[in-house]
Amino acid sequence: MNLILFVLIGLIAGALAGRVVSGHGYGVFGDIAVGVIGAFLGGWIFSTFLGVGAGGGVLMSLVVAFIGAIALLWLIRLVAPRHA
């Protein structure tokens, strides 16, 4: 059950971050990947810089994953910007 919840939070966070940063999502699997990696990145950011540990429920997990996904997309754009 935890794995399903983790993937669902990753999907929601990735979809929201994709729409906030670029105006569109990246498909189901892309949104899940961005959200899950963003969850790890957000957890690291929150624990390292803010001293906030794990816990807080589903809503806090979603917020942390969302912030991490935005940071991940920002880093990707910083490293590999699109040339239109």
PDB file of N, CA and C in Angstrom:
ATOM      1  N   MET A   1       0.817  -1.188   0.000  1.00  0.00           N
ATOM      2  CA  MET A   1       0.000   0.000   0.000  1.00  0.00           C
ATOM      3  C   MET A   1       0.867   1.260   0.000  1.00  0.00           C
ATOM      4  N   ASN A   2       1.976   1.231   0.708  1.00  0.00           N
ATOM      5  CA  ASN A   2       2.856   2.398   0.756  1.00  0.00           C
ATOM      6  C   ASN A   2       3.454   2.708  -0.606  1.00  0.00           C
ATOM      7  N   LEU A   3       3.781   1.671  -1.374  1.00  0.00           N
ATOM      8  CA  LEU A   3       4.347   1.887  -2.702  1.00  0.00           C
ATOM      9  C   LEU A   3       3.326   2.557  -3.615  1.00  0.00           C
ATOM     10  N   ILE A   4       2.088   2.127  -3.550  1.00  0.00           N
ATOM     11  CA  ILE A   4       1.037   2.724  -4.372  1.00  0.00           C
ATOM     12  C   ILE A   4       0.844   4.184  -3.983  1.00  0.00           C
ATOM     13  N   LEU A   5       0.831   4.482  -2.700  1.00  0.00           N
ATOM     14  CA  LEU A   5       0.686   5.855  -2.227  1.00  0.00           C
ATOM     15  C   LEU A   5       1.879   6.705  -2.656  1.00  0.00           C
ATOM     16  N   PHE A   6       3.079   6.136  -2.585  1.00  0.00           N
ATOM     17  CA  PHE A   6       4.287   6.848  -2.989  1.00  0.00           C
ATOM     18  C   PHE A   6       4.238   7.200  -4.474  1.00  0.00           C
ATOM     19  N   VAL A   7       3.818   6.244  -5.306  1.00  0.00           N
ATOM     20  CA  VAL A   7       3.714   6.490  -6.744  1.00  0.00           C
ATOM     21  C   VAL A   7       2.606   7.506  -7.031  1.00  0.00           C
ATOM     22  N   LEU A   8       1.497   7.423  -6.314  1.00  0.00           N
ATOM     23  CA  LEU A   8       0.404   8.372  -6.506  1.00  0.00           C
ATOM     24  C   LEU A   8       0.827   9.795  -6.128  1.00  0.00           C
ATOM     25  N   ILE A   9       1.539   9.934  -5.014  1.00  0.00           N
ATOM     26  CA  ILE A   9       2.054  11.248  -4.618  1.00  0.00           C
ATOM     27  C   ILE A   9       3.053  11.750  -5.658  1.00  0.00           C
ATOM     28  N   GLY A  10       3.905  10.861  -6.154  1.00  0.00           N
ATOM     29  CA  GLY A  10       4.857  11.240  -7.203  1.00  0.00           C
ATOM     30  C   GLY A  10       4.159  11.697  -8.468  1.00  0.00           C
ATOM     31  N   LEU A  11       3.092  11.016  -8.844  1.00  0.00           N
ATOM     32  CA  LEU A  11       2.343  11.391 -10.035  1.00  0.00           C
ATOM     33  C   LEU A  11       1.712  12.770  -9.870  1.00  0.00           C
ATOM     34  N   ILE A  12       1.076  12.997  -8.740  1.00  0.00           N
ATOM     35  CA  ILE A  12       0.429  14.286  -8.503  1.00  0.00           C
ATOM     36  C   ILE A  12       1.459  15.413  -8.437  1.00  0.00           C
ATOM     37  N   ALA A  13       2.536  15.191  -7.684  1.00  0.00           N
ATOM     38  CA  ALA A  13       3.571  16.222  -7.551  1.00  0.00           C
ATOM     39  C   ALA A  13       4.242  16.510  -8.888  1.00  0.00           C
ATOM     40  N   GLY A  14       4.549  15.473  -9.649  1.00  0.00           N
ATOM     41  CA  GLY A  14       5.182  15.662 -10.950  1.00  0.00           C
ATOM     42  C   GLY A  14       4.283  16.370 -11.940  1.00  0.00           C
ATOM     43  N   ALA A  15       2.998  16.014 -11.943  1.00  0.00           N
ATOM     44  CA  ALA A  15       2.051  16.666 -12.849  1.00  0.00           C
ATOM     45  C   ALA A  15       1.894  18.137 -12.491  1.00  0.00           C
ATOM     46  N   LEU A  16       1.762  18.436 -11.213  1.00  0.00           N
ATOM     47  CA  LEU A  16       1.624  19.833 -10.786  1.00  0.00           C
ATOM     48  C   LEU A  16       2.885  20.634 -11.092  1.00  0.00           C
ATOM     49  N   ALA A  17       4.034  20.067 -10.791  1.00  0.00           N
ATOM     50  CA  ALA A  17       5.295  20.774 -11.042  1.00  0.00           C
ATOM     51  C   ALA A  17       5.518  20.995 -12.535  1.00  0.00           C
ATOM     52  N   GLY A  18       5.192  19.998 -13.343  1.00  0.00           N
ATOM     53  CA  GLY A  18       5.340  20.150 -14.788  1.00  0.00           C
ATOM     54  C   GLY A  18       4.470  21.267 -15.336  1.00  0.00           C
ATOM     55  N   ARG A  19       3.278  21.393 -14.791  1.00  0.00           N
ATOM     56  CA  ARG A  19       2.378  22.454 -15.244  1.00  0.00           C
ATOM     57  C   ARG A  19       2.812  23.823 -14.729  1.00  0.00           C
ATOM     58  N   VAL A  20       3.370  23.868 -13.535  1.00  0.00           N
ATOM     59  CA  VAL A  20       3.819  25.146 -12.973  1.00  0.00           C
ATOM     60  C   VAL A  20       5.074  25.637 -13.694  1.00  0.00           C
ATOM     61  N   VAL A  21       6.016  24.746 -13.933  1.00  0.00           N
ATOM     62  CA  VAL A  21       7.297  25.152 -14.506  1.00  0.00           C
ATOM     63  C   VAL A  21       7.207  25.353 -16.015  1.00  0.00           C
ATOM     64  N   SER A  22       6.554  24.435 -16.720  1.00  0.00           N
ATOM     65  CA  SER A  22       6.566  24.532 -18.178  1.00  0.00           C
ATOM     66  C   SER A  22       5.196  24.707 -18.812  1.00  0.00           C
ATOM     67  N   GLY A  23       4.139  24.634 -18.035  1.00  0.00           N
ATOM     68  CA  GLY A  23       2.805  24.819 -18.584  1.00  0.00           C
ATOM     69  C   GLY A  23       2.154  23.555 -19.092  1.00  0.00           C
ATOM     70  N   HIS A  24       2.856  22.428 -19.047  1.00  0.00           N
ATOM     71  CA  HIS A  24       2.286  21.151 -19.475  1.00  0.00           C
ATOM     72  C   HIS A  24       2.957  20.030 -18.699  1.00  0.00           C
ATOM     73  N   GLY A  25       2.352  18.874 -18.690  1.00  0.00           N
ATOM     74  CA  GLY A  25       2.927  17.715 -18.025  1.00  0.00           C
ATOM     75  C   GLY A  25       3.874  16.986 -18.953  1.00  0.00           C
ATOM     76  N   TYR A  26       4.390  15.880 -18.488  1.00  0.00           N
ATOM     77  CA  TYR A  26       5.344  15.095 -19.271  1.00  0.00           C
ATOM     78  C   TYR A  26       4.830  13.687 -19.535  1.00  0.00           C
ATOM     79  N   GLY A  27       3.537  13.487 -19.498  1.00  0.00           N
ATOM     80  CA  GLY A  27       2.955  12.163 -19.648  1.00  0.00           C
ATOM     81  C   GLY A  27       2.936  11.464 -18.295  1.00  0.00           C
ATOM     82  N   VAL A  28       2.219  10.370 -18.212  1.00  0.00           N
ATOM     83  CA  VAL A  28       2.046   9.686 -16.931  1.00  0.00           C
ATOM     84  C   VAL A  28       3.378   9.229 -16.359  1.00  0.00           C
ATOM     85  N   PHE A  29       4.181   8.534 -17.149  1.00  0.00           N
ATOM     86  CA  PHE A  29       5.441   8.007 -16.637  1.00  0.00           C
ATOM     87  C   PHE A  29       6.458   9.112 -16.364  1.00  0.00           C
ATOM     88  N   GLY A  30       6.476  10.130 -17.199  1.00  0.00           N
ATOM     89  CA  GLY A  30       7.369  11.262 -16.969  1.00  0.00           C
ATOM     90  C   GLY A  30       6.998  12.018 -15.705  1.00  0.00           C
ATOM     91  N   ASP A  31       5.695  12.217 -15.500  1.00  0.00           N
ATOM     92  CA  ASP A  31       5.237  12.897 -14.287  1.00  0.00           C
ATOM     93  C   ASP A  31       5.578  12.082 -13.041  1.00  0.00           C
ATOM     94  N   ILE A  32       5.403  10.766 -13.116  1.00  0.00           N
ATOM     95  CA  ILE A  32       5.747   9.911 -11.974  1.00  0.00           C
ATOM     96  C   ILE A  32       7.245   9.993 -11.692  1.00  0.00           C
ATOM     97  N   ALA A  33       8.057   9.915 -12.740  1.00  0.00           N
ATOM     98  CA  ALA A  33       9.512   9.969 -12.548  1.00  0.00           C
ATOM     99  C   ALA A  33       9.937  11.301 -11.942  1.00  0.00           C
ATOM    100  N   VAL A  34       9.409  12.397 -12.473  1.00  0.00           N
ATOM    101  CA  VAL A  34       9.752  13.717 -11.939  1.00  0.00           C
ATOM    102  C   VAL A  34       9.286  13.828 -10.492  1.00  0.00           C
ATOM    103  N   GLY A  35       8.091  13.345 -10.196  1.00  0.00           N
ATOM    104  CA  GLY A  35       7.562  13.422  -8.841  1.00  0.00           C
ATOM    105  C   GLY A  35       8.307  12.569  -7.843  1.00  0.00           C
ATOM    106  N   VAL A  36       8.657  11.340  -8.230  1.00  0.00           N
ATOM    107  CA  VAL A  36       9.369  10.446  -7.313  1.00  0.00           C
ATOM    108  C   VAL A  36      10.787  10.946  -7.059  1.00  0.00           C
ATOM    109  N   ILE A  37      11.489  11.323  -8.112  1.00  0.00           N
ATOM    110  CA  ILE A  37      12.837  11.875  -7.929  1.00  0.00           C
ATOM    111  C   ILE A  37      12.755  13.191  -7.166  1.00  0.00           C
ATOM    112  N   GLY A  38      11.725  13.976  -7.477  1.00  0.00           N
ATOM    113  CA  GLY A  38      11.501  15.221  -6.750  1.00  0.00           C
ATOM    114  C   GLY A  38      11.204  14.988  -5.282  1.00  0.00           C
ATOM    115  N   ALA A  39      10.526  13.895  -4.960  1.00  0.00           N
ATOM    116  CA  ALA A  39      10.250  13.565  -3.556  1.00  0.00           C
ATOM    117  C   ALA A  39      11.548  13.306  -2.801  1.00  0.00           C
ATOM    118  N   PHE A  40      12.446  12.567  -3.423  1.00  0.00           N
ATOM    119  CA  PHE A  40      13.747  12.333  -2.783  1.00  0.00           C
ATOM    120  C   PHE A  40      14.529  13.637  -2.645  1.00  0.00           C
ATOM    121  N   LEU A  41      14.533  14.441  -3.710  1.00  0.00           N
ATOM    122  CA  LEU A  41      15.241  15.716  -3.680  1.00  0.00           C
ATOM    123  C   LEU A  41      14.620  16.660  -2.659  1.00  0.00           C
ATOM    124  N   GLY A  42      13.294  16.720  -2.626  1.00  0.00           N
ATOM    125  CA  GLY A  42      12.615  17.572  -1.659  1.00  0.00           C
ATOM    126  C   GLY A  42      12.859  17.115  -0.229  1.00  0.00           C
ATOM    127  N   GLY A  43      12.861  15.807   0.000  1.00  0.00           N
ATOM    128  CA  GLY A  43      13.168  15.287   1.334  1.00  0.00           C
ATOM    129  C   GLY A  43      14.573  15.662   1.765  1.00  0.00           C
ATOM    130  N   TRP A  44      15.510  15.593   0.832  1.00  0.00           N
ATOM    131  CA  TRP A  44      16.890  15.967   1.152  1.00  0.00           C
ATOM    132  C   TRP A  44      16.980  17.460   1.449  1.00  0.00           C
ATOM    133  N   ILE A  45      16.319  18.280   0.620  1.00  0.00           N
ATOM    134  CA  ILE A  45      16.337  19.734   0.829  1.00  0.00           C
ATOM    135  C   ILE A  45      15.754  20.087   2.192  1.00  0.00           C
ATOM    136  N   PHE A  46      14.594  19.510   2.504  1.00  0.00           N
ATOM    137  CA  PHE A  46      13.936  19.836   3.761  1.00  0.00           C
ATOM    138  C   PHE A  46      14.744  19.372   4.967  1.00  0.00           C
ATOM    139  N   SER A  47      15.339  18.181   4.891  1.00  0.00           N
ATOM    140  CA  SER A  47      16.096  17.689   6.043  1.00  0.00           C
ATOM    141  C   SER A  47      17.442  18.394   6.196  1.00  0.00           C
ATOM    142  N   THR A  48      18.094  18.721   5.087  1.00  0.00           N
ATOM    143  CA  THR A  48      19.414  19.330   5.150  1.00  0.00           C
ATOM    144  C   THR A  48      19.348  20.815   5.506  1.00  0.00           C
ATOM    145  N   PHE A  49      18.517  21.549   4.835  1.00  0.00           N
ATOM    146  CA  PHE A  49      18.514  22.996   4.995  1.00  0.00           C
ATOM    147  C   PHE A  49      17.500  23.512   6.011  1.00  0.00           C
ATOM    148  N   LEU A  50      16.423  22.782   6.232  1.00  0.00           N
ATOM    149  CA  LEU A  50      15.393  23.249   7.139  1.00  0.00           C
ATOM    150  C   LEU A  50      15.299  22.427   8.418  1.00  0.00           C
ATOM    151  N   GLY A  51      15.982  21.301   8.460  1.00  0.00           N
ATOM    152  CA  GLY A  51      15.966  20.457   9.642  1.00  0.00           C
ATOM    153  C   GLY A  51      14.646  19.747   9.884  1.00  0.00           C
ATOM    154  N   VAL A  52      13.825  19.638   8.857  1.00  0.00           N
ATOM    155  CA  VAL A  52      12.525  18.976   8.977  1.00  0.00           C
ATOM    156  C   VAL A  52      12.703  17.514   8.602  1.00  0.00           C
ATOM    157  N   GLY A  53      12.300  16.625   9.503  1.00  0.00           N
ATOM    158  CA  GLY A  53      12.435  15.198   9.256  1.00  0.00           C
ATOM    159  C   GLY A  53      11.220  14.624   8.551  1.00  0.00           C
ATOM    160  N   ALA A  54      11.242  13.326   8.364  1.00  0.00           N
ATOM    161  CA  ALA A  54      10.138  12.624   7.724  1.00  0.00           C
ATOM    162  C   ALA A  54       8.919  12.642   8.628  1.00  0.00           C
ATOM    163  N   GLY A  55       7.794  12.517   8.027  1.00  0.00           N
ATOM    164  CA  GLY A  55       6.544  12.518   8.782  1.00  0.00           C
ATOM    165  C   GLY A  55       5.669  13.671   8.340  1.00  0.00           C
ATOM    166  N   GLY A  56       4.536  13.797   8.961  1.00  0.00           N
ATOM    167  CA  GLY A  56       3.647  14.896   8.610  1.00  0.00           C
ATOM    168  C   GLY A  56       2.480  14.464   7.757  1.00  0.00           C
ATOM    169  N   GLY A  57       2.431  13.224   7.360  1.00  0.00           N
ATOM    170  CA  GLY A  57       1.282  12.732   6.613  1.00  0.00           C
ATOM    171  C   GLY A  57       1.388  12.918   5.117  1.00  0.00           C
ATOM    172  N   VAL A  58       0.276  12.616   4.470  1.00  0.00           N
ATOM    173  CA  VAL A  58       0.222  12.620   3.018  1.00  0.00           C
ATOM    174  C   VAL A  58       0.350  14.039   2.456  1.00  0.00           C
ATOM    175  N   LEU A  59      -0.313  14.993   3.079  1.00  0.00           N
ATOM    176  CA  LEU A  59      -0.264  16.367   2.564  1.00  0.00           C
ATOM    177  C   LEU A  59       1.150  16.935   2.623  1.00  0.00           C
ATOM    178  N   MET A  60       1.842  16.716   3.718  1.00  0.00           N
ATOM    179  CA  MET A  60       3.229  17.197   3.826  1.00  0.00           C
ATOM    180  C   MET A  60       4.124  16.477   2.823  1.00  0.00           C
ATOM    181  N   SER A  61       3.895  15.193   2.612  1.00  0.00           N
ATOM    182  CA  SER A  61       4.672  14.448   1.619  1.00  0.00           C
ATOM    183  C   SER A  61       4.440  15.014   0.224  1.00  0.00           C
ATOM    184  N   LEU A  62       3.202  15.374  -0.064  1.00  0.00           N
ATOM    185  CA  LEU A  62       2.885  15.950  -1.365  1.00  0.00           C
ATOM    186  C   LEU A  62       3.553  17.308  -1.543  1.00  0.00           C
ATOM    187  N   VAL A  63       3.546  18.120  -0.512  1.00  0.00           N
ATOM    188  CA  VAL A  63       4.188  19.441  -0.576  1.00  0.00           C
ATOM    189  C   VAL A  63       5.694  19.292  -0.778  1.00  0.00           C
ATOM    190  N   VAL A  64       6.312  18.398  -0.032  1.00  0.00           N
ATOM    191  CA  VAL A  64       7.756  18.172  -0.154  1.00  0.00           C
ATOM    192  C   VAL A  64       8.094  17.642  -1.543  1.00  0.00           C
ATOM    193  N   ALA A  65       7.311  16.693  -2.055  1.00  0.00           N
ATOM    194  CA  ALA A  65       7.555  16.144  -3.387  1.00  0.00           C
ATOM    195  C   ALA A  65       7.352  17.209  -4.456  1.00  0.00           C
ATOM    196  N   PHE A  66       6.349  18.050  -4.293  1.00  0.00           N
ATOM    197  CA  PHE A  66       6.074  19.131  -5.242  1.00  0.00           C
ATOM    198  C   PHE A  66       7.234  20.125  -5.286  1.00  0.00           C
ATOM    199  N   ILE A  67       7.712  20.538  -4.144  1.00  0.00           N
ATOM    200  CA  ILE A  67       8.841  21.473  -4.088  1.00  0.00           C
ATOM    201  C   ILE A  67      10.100  20.826  -4.665  1.00  0.00           C
ATOM    202  N   GLY A  68      10.321  19.566  -4.350  1.00  0.00           N
ATOM    203  CA  GLY A  68      11.466  18.859  -4.906  1.00  0.00           C
ATOM    204  C   GLY A  68      11.368  18.696  -6.415  1.00  0.00           C
ATOM    205  N   ALA A  69      10.161  18.433  -6.922  1.00  0.00           N
ATOM    206  CA  ALA A  69       9.975  18.293  -8.365  1.00  0.00           C
ATOM    207  C   ALA A  69      10.204  19.622  -9.078  1.00  0.00           C
ATOM    208  N   ILE A  70       9.756  20.711  -8.474  1.00  0.00           N
ATOM    209  CA  ILE A  70      10.025  22.029  -9.061  1.00  0.00           C
ATOM    210  C   ILE A  70      11.529  22.294  -9.079  1.00  0.00           C
ATOM    211  N   ALA A  71      12.215  21.970  -7.991  1.00  0.00           N
ATOM    212  CA  ALA A  71      13.670  22.153  -7.939  1.00  0.00           C
ATOM    213  C   ALA A  71      14.357  21.287  -8.991  1.00  0.00           C
ATOM    214  N   LEU A  72      13.885  20.049  -9.164  1.00  0.00           N
ATOM    215  CA  LEU A  72      14.471  19.162 -10.166  1.00  0.00           C
ATOM    216  C   LEU A  72      14.278  19.719 -11.567  1.00  0.00           C
ATOM    217  N   LEU A  73      13.078  20.174 -11.890  1.00  0.00           N
ATOM    218  CA  LEU A  73      12.837  20.744 -13.217  1.00  0.00           C
ATOM    219  C   LEU A  73      13.646  22.021 -13.432  1.00  0.00           C
ATOM    220  N   TRP A  74      13.806  22.818 -12.394  1.00  0.00           N
ATOM    221  CA  TRP A  74      14.618  24.017 -12.496  1.00  0.00           C
ATOM    222  C   TRP A  74      16.077  23.644 -12.770  1.00  0.00           C
ATOM    223  N   LEU A  75      16.590  22.633 -12.068  1.00  0.00           N
ATOM    224  CA  LEU A  75      17.971  22.185 -12.295  1.00  0.00           C
ATOM    225  C   LEU A  75      18.152  21.629 -13.699  1.00  0.00           C
ATOM    226  N   ILE A  76      17.170  20.880 -14.184  1.00  0.00           N
ATOM    227  CA  ILE A  76      17.256  20.331 -15.542  1.00  0.00           C
ATOM    228  C   ILE A  76      17.303  21.462 -16.559  1.00  0.00           C
ATOM    229  N   ARG A  77      16.488  22.470 -16.374  1.00  0.00           N
ATOM    230  CA  ARG A  77      16.502  23.614 -17.295  1.00  0.00           C
ATOM    231  C   ARG A  77      17.779  24.418 -17.196  1.00  0.00           C
ATOM    232  N   LEU A  78      18.373  24.449 -16.018  1.00  0.00           N
ATOM    233  CA  LEU A  78      19.626  25.170 -15.825  1.00  0.00           C
ATOM    234  C   LEU A  78      20.766  24.466 -16.551  1.00  0.00           C
ATOM    235  N   VAL A  79      20.782  23.147 -16.486  1.00  0.00           N
ATOM    236  CA  VAL A  79      21.852  22.351 -17.100  1.00  0.00           C
ATOM    237  C   VAL A  79      21.649  22.200 -18.603  1.00  0.00           C
ATOM    238  N   ALA A  80      20.417  21.927 -19.016  1.00  0.00           N
ATOM    239  CA  ALA A  80      20.129  21.678 -20.423  1.00  0.00           C
ATOM    240  C   ALA A  80      18.978  22.559 -20.875  1.00  0.00           C
ATOM    241  N   PRO A  81      19.227  23.852 -21.110  1.00  0.00           N
ATOM    242  CA  PRO A  81      18.134  24.716 -21.553  1.00  0.00           C
ATOM    243  C   PRO A  81      17.695  24.376 -22.965  1.00  0.00           C
ATOM    244  N   ARG A  82      16.429  24.626 -23.242  1.00  0.00           N
ATOM    245  CA  ARG A  82      15.905  24.386 -24.594  1.00  0.00           C
ATOM    246  C   ARG A  82      16.252  25.580 -25.478  1.00  0.00           C
ATOM    247  N   HIS A  83      16.586  25.267 -26.695  1.00  0.00           N
ATOM    248  CA  HIS A  83      16.834  26.320 -27.684  1.00  0.00           C
ATOM    249  C   HIS A  83      15.748  26.226 -28.726  1.00  0.00           C
ATOM    250  N   ALA A  84      14.878  27.227 -28.761  1.00  0.00           N
ATOM    251  CA  ALA A  84      13.753  27.197 -29.705  1.00  0.00           C
ATOM    252  C   ALA A  84      14.080  28.009 -30.942  1.00  0.00           C
TER     253      ALA A  84
END
